Protein backbone atom coordinates (compact mmCIF):
# COMPACT_ATOMS: atom_id res chain seq x y z
CA UNK A 1 -171.65 -57.34 -28.42
CA UNK A 2 -170.61 -56.94 -32.23
CA UNK A 3 -172.38 -54.56 -34.32
CA UNK A 4 -172.02 -54.32 -38.24
CA UNK A 5 -171.00 -51.46 -40.07
CA UNK A 6 -172.65 -50.53 -43.65
CA UNK A 7 -173.29 -46.61 -43.70
CA UNK A 8 -176.58 -47.35 -41.35
CA UNK A 9 -177.84 -48.95 -44.57
CA UNK A 10 -176.29 -52.32 -45.73
CA UNK A 11 -174.97 -53.58 -42.59
CA UNK A 12 -175.87 -57.08 -41.93
CA UNK A 13 -175.16 -60.04 -39.43
CA UNK A 14 -171.95 -61.92 -39.88
CA UNK A 15 -170.56 -58.99 -41.40
CA UNK A 16 -167.40 -58.84 -39.55
CA UNK A 17 -164.65 -60.87 -37.36
CA UNK A 18 -165.40 -64.21 -36.75
CA UNK A 19 -166.46 -63.66 -33.35
CA UNK A 20 -166.89 -67.75 -32.46
CA UNK A 21 -163.10 -68.20 -33.23
CA UNK A 22 -161.90 -65.55 -32.00
CA UNK A 23 -163.59 -64.68 -28.37
CA UNK A 24 -166.06 -67.51 -27.68
CA UNK A 25 -163.23 -70.21 -27.53
CA UNK A 26 -162.04 -67.95 -24.76
CA UNK A 27 -165.16 -67.89 -22.30
CA UNK A 28 -167.28 -64.76 -24.32
CA UNK A 29 -170.61 -65.07 -25.03
CA UNK A 30 -170.79 -63.40 -28.36
CA UNK A 31 -174.00 -61.60 -30.09
CA UNK A 32 -173.79 -60.59 -33.92
CA UNK A 33 -176.73 -57.86 -33.20
CA UNK A 34 -178.97 -56.73 -36.26
CA UNK A 35 -180.26 -53.37 -36.47
CA UNK A 36 -182.82 -51.59 -38.65
CA UNK A 37 -181.55 -49.76 -41.79
CA UNK A 38 -182.03 -45.74 -42.04
CA UNK A 39 -183.78 -46.49 -45.26
CA UNK A 40 -186.47 -48.46 -43.36
CA UNK A 41 -186.52 -46.77 -40.11
CA UNK A 42 -185.32 -43.28 -39.25
CA UNK A 43 -182.99 -42.35 -36.43
CA UNK A 44 -183.27 -43.35 -33.62
CA UNK A 45 -184.55 -46.70 -34.61
CA UNK A 46 -181.03 -48.03 -34.71
CA UNK A 47 -179.99 -46.81 -31.18
CA UNK A 48 -183.17 -48.28 -30.27
CA UNK A 49 -182.45 -51.46 -31.25
CA UNK A 50 -179.23 -51.76 -29.78
CA UNK A 51 -180.54 -50.72 -26.58
CA UNK A 52 -183.37 -53.18 -26.91
CA UNK A 53 -180.58 -55.88 -27.77
CA UNK A 54 -178.75 -54.97 -24.45
CA UNK A 55 -182.00 -55.45 -22.59
CA UNK A 56 -182.54 -58.87 -23.83
CA UNK A 57 -179.10 -59.81 -23.06
CA UNK A 58 -179.60 -58.97 -19.67
CA UNK A 59 -183.00 -60.43 -19.57
CA UNK A 60 -181.60 -64.09 -20.65
CA UNK A 61 -178.16 -63.53 -18.75
CA UNK A 62 -179.52 -65.98 -16.17
CA UNK A 63 -180.50 -68.32 -18.11
CA UNK A 64 -177.50 -68.63 -20.25
CA UNK A 65 -175.07 -68.06 -17.33
CA UNK A 66 -174.16 -64.69 -18.44
CA UNK A 67 -172.53 -61.59 -16.36
CA UNK A 68 -175.57 -59.12 -16.94
CA UNK A 69 -172.80 -56.41 -15.38
CA UNK A 70 -170.02 -56.95 -17.80
CA UNK A 71 -170.95 -56.37 -21.30
CA UNK A 72 -168.73 -55.16 -24.18
CA UNK A 73 -169.34 -53.69 -27.17
CA UNK A 74 -167.95 -53.77 -30.33
CA UNK A 75 -168.56 -52.31 -33.91
CA UNK A 76 -167.24 -51.29 -37.23
CA UNK A 77 -168.19 -47.96 -38.84
CA UNK A 78 -171.65 -47.28 -38.01
CA UNK A 79 -171.51 -50.06 -35.59
CA UNK A 80 -168.41 -48.43 -34.10
CA UNK A 81 -170.75 -44.96 -33.87
CA UNK A 82 -173.60 -46.89 -32.17
CA UNK A 83 -171.39 -48.89 -29.73
CA UNK A 84 -170.17 -45.31 -28.53
CA UNK A 85 -173.58 -43.82 -28.44
CA UNK A 86 -175.10 -46.97 -26.42
CA UNK A 87 -172.27 -46.34 -24.16
CA UNK A 88 -172.10 -42.47 -23.86
CA UNK A 89 -175.89 -43.26 -23.01
CA UNK A 90 -175.25 -45.97 -20.49
CA UNK A 91 -177.76 -45.33 -17.62
CA UNK A 92 -179.96 -48.14 -16.08
CA UNK A 93 -182.39 -47.35 -18.27
CA UNK A 94 -180.61 -46.99 -21.18
CA UNK A 95 -177.73 -49.13 -22.06
CA UNK A 96 -177.24 -51.32 -18.56
CA UNK A 97 -174.13 -53.31 -17.72
CA UNK A 98 -171.87 -51.63 -20.60
CA UNK A 99 -168.65 -51.58 -19.07
CA UNK A 100 -166.04 -51.58 -22.31
CA UNK A 101 -166.40 -50.73 -25.77
CA UNK A 102 -163.90 -51.31 -28.69
CA UNK A 103 -164.42 -48.03 -30.85
CA UNK A 104 -166.33 -45.72 -28.02
CA UNK A 105 -166.30 -45.46 -24.36
CA UNK A 106 -165.85 -46.04 -21.34
CA UNK A 107 -162.75 -47.30 -21.27
CA UNK A 108 -162.34 -46.84 -24.94
CA UNK A 109 -160.01 -48.46 -27.35
CA UNK A 110 -160.34 -46.53 -30.78
CA UNK A 111 -159.53 -48.60 -34.11
CA UNK A 112 -158.97 -46.18 -37.16
CA UNK A 113 -157.57 -46.63 -40.51
CA UNK A 114 -154.87 -43.69 -41.50
CA UNK A 115 -155.95 -44.24 -44.74
CA UNK A 116 -159.77 -43.71 -44.35
CA UNK A 117 -160.84 -41.55 -46.79
CA UNK A 118 -164.55 -41.72 -45.78
CA UNK A 119 -164.38 -40.67 -41.93
CA UNK A 120 -160.95 -39.43 -41.47
CA UNK A 121 -158.61 -40.58 -38.91
CA UNK A 122 -158.38 -36.79 -36.91
CA UNK A 123 -162.29 -37.47 -35.89
CA UNK A 124 -160.86 -40.54 -33.60
CA UNK A 125 -157.92 -38.62 -32.42
CA UNK A 126 -160.40 -35.55 -31.62
CA UNK A 127 -162.45 -37.90 -29.32
CA UNK A 128 -159.13 -39.68 -27.97
CA UNK A 129 -158.12 -36.06 -26.81
CA UNK A 130 -161.23 -35.32 -25.28
CA UNK A 131 -161.72 -38.49 -23.15
CA UNK A 132 -158.03 -38.25 -22.34
CA UNK A 133 -158.85 -34.61 -21.14
CA UNK A 134 -161.26 -35.31 -18.72
CA UNK A 135 -159.78 -38.58 -17.31
CA UNK A 136 -161.17 -41.26 -19.07
CA UNK A 137 -159.35 -44.25 -20.02
CA UNK A 138 -158.64 -44.13 -24.15
CA UNK A 139 -156.76 -45.95 -26.33
CA UNK A 140 -156.40 -44.88 -29.95
CA UNK A 141 -154.55 -47.32 -32.70
CA UNK A 142 -153.91 -45.55 -36.09
CA UNK A 143 -154.06 -48.71 -38.40
CA UNK A 144 -151.23 -48.12 -41.34
CA UNK A 145 -152.34 -48.14 -44.79
CA UNK A 146 -156.26 -49.30 -43.45
CA UNK A 147 -159.02 -47.70 -45.36
CA UNK A 148 -162.53 -47.68 -43.96
CA UNK A 149 -164.36 -50.65 -43.04
CA UNK A 150 -160.98 -52.78 -42.40
CA UNK A 151 -162.41 -54.80 -39.60
CA UNK A 152 -165.35 -55.93 -41.97
CA UNK A 153 -163.12 -58.13 -43.50
CA UNK A 154 -161.04 -61.33 -42.32
CA UNK A 155 -157.67 -59.72 -44.04
CA UNK A 156 -156.44 -58.19 -40.59
CA UNK A 157 -157.14 -61.72 -38.73
CA UNK A 158 -154.99 -63.04 -41.44
CA UNK A 159 -152.19 -60.37 -41.87
CA UNK A 160 -151.57 -58.66 -38.38
CA UNK A 161 -151.54 -55.20 -39.26
CA UNK A 162 -149.05 -52.45 -37.76
CA UNK A 163 -150.63 -49.32 -36.03
CA UNK A 164 -149.15 -46.30 -34.02
CA UNK A 165 -150.83 -46.54 -30.66
CA UNK A 166 -151.72 -43.57 -28.28
CA UNK A 167 -153.05 -43.82 -24.92
CA UNK A 168 -154.43 -42.01 -21.81
CA UNK A 169 -152.02 -43.78 -19.73
CA UNK A 170 -149.10 -41.86 -21.79
CA UNK A 171 -150.30 -38.86 -23.03
CA UNK A 172 -147.10 -37.57 -24.73
CA UNK A 173 -145.92 -40.77 -25.98
CA UNK A 174 -146.57 -42.69 -29.15
CA UNK A 175 -145.83 -46.32 -29.93
CA UNK A 176 -146.03 -48.94 -32.07
CA UNK A 177 -148.80 -51.63 -32.01
CA UNK A 178 -149.63 -54.75 -34.18
CA UNK A 179 -153.39 -55.17 -34.30
CA UNK A 180 -154.38 -58.62 -33.82
CA UNK A 181 -157.66 -60.04 -31.95
CA UNK A 182 -155.28 -60.81 -29.34
CA UNK A 183 -155.05 -57.28 -28.75
CA UNK A 184 -158.61 -56.58 -28.50
CA UNK A 185 -159.05 -59.82 -26.43
CA UNK A 186 -156.75 -58.30 -23.82
CA UNK A 187 -158.77 -55.13 -23.63
CA UNK A 188 -162.17 -56.57 -22.75
CA UNK A 189 -160.21 -59.24 -20.38
CA UNK A 190 -158.91 -55.98 -18.36
CA UNK A 191 -162.36 -54.42 -18.41
CA UNK A 192 -164.63 -57.00 -18.45
CA UNK A 193 -163.13 -60.15 -16.52
CA UNK A 194 -163.92 -60.66 -13.20
CA UNK A 195 -162.00 -64.15 -13.00
CA UNK A 196 -158.60 -63.38 -12.17
CA UNK A 197 -157.22 -66.91 -13.79
CA UNK A 198 -158.34 -65.42 -17.16
CA UNK A 199 -157.25 -61.37 -16.90
């Protein structure tokens, strides 16, 4: 499930990666979720919208052949924040079936531009360190030269970007990585697929 960014005010569906091309062709059912603007409805309406969307996906799972226990969330900026909040609220009553989040927890794949002047990358580093400290799986990619909202454009899909990668699997090591849709797809494959032929 993709949650677009937009500063909590200007988000709109379709503002983000080309989901059908990137993931649906590999067997993932993709939902591009709209949530209310903070200019129309005050907090926590946005989180309530995301939780309602999660419940709706579970309600229609059997009809559409979806695995209601293998939901992944992915968002950019405010959408990433909502993905984190929905995952942290992951109880059967709040966000059922969430098993992986890109930008959130659990397990976590944080993507942050190292040139982000809106929300400094140190915030993602602190979250990564906190998740690692409690034994949660976390991966942090500090994308070189990327500013805030870099996932909202198709540029990273056409010109893969390099990143410094940190992982809870090797907390004292850093390595280089290339941010591509395949990297995110492998993360979802590892945590959402139950079919060993597609892992």
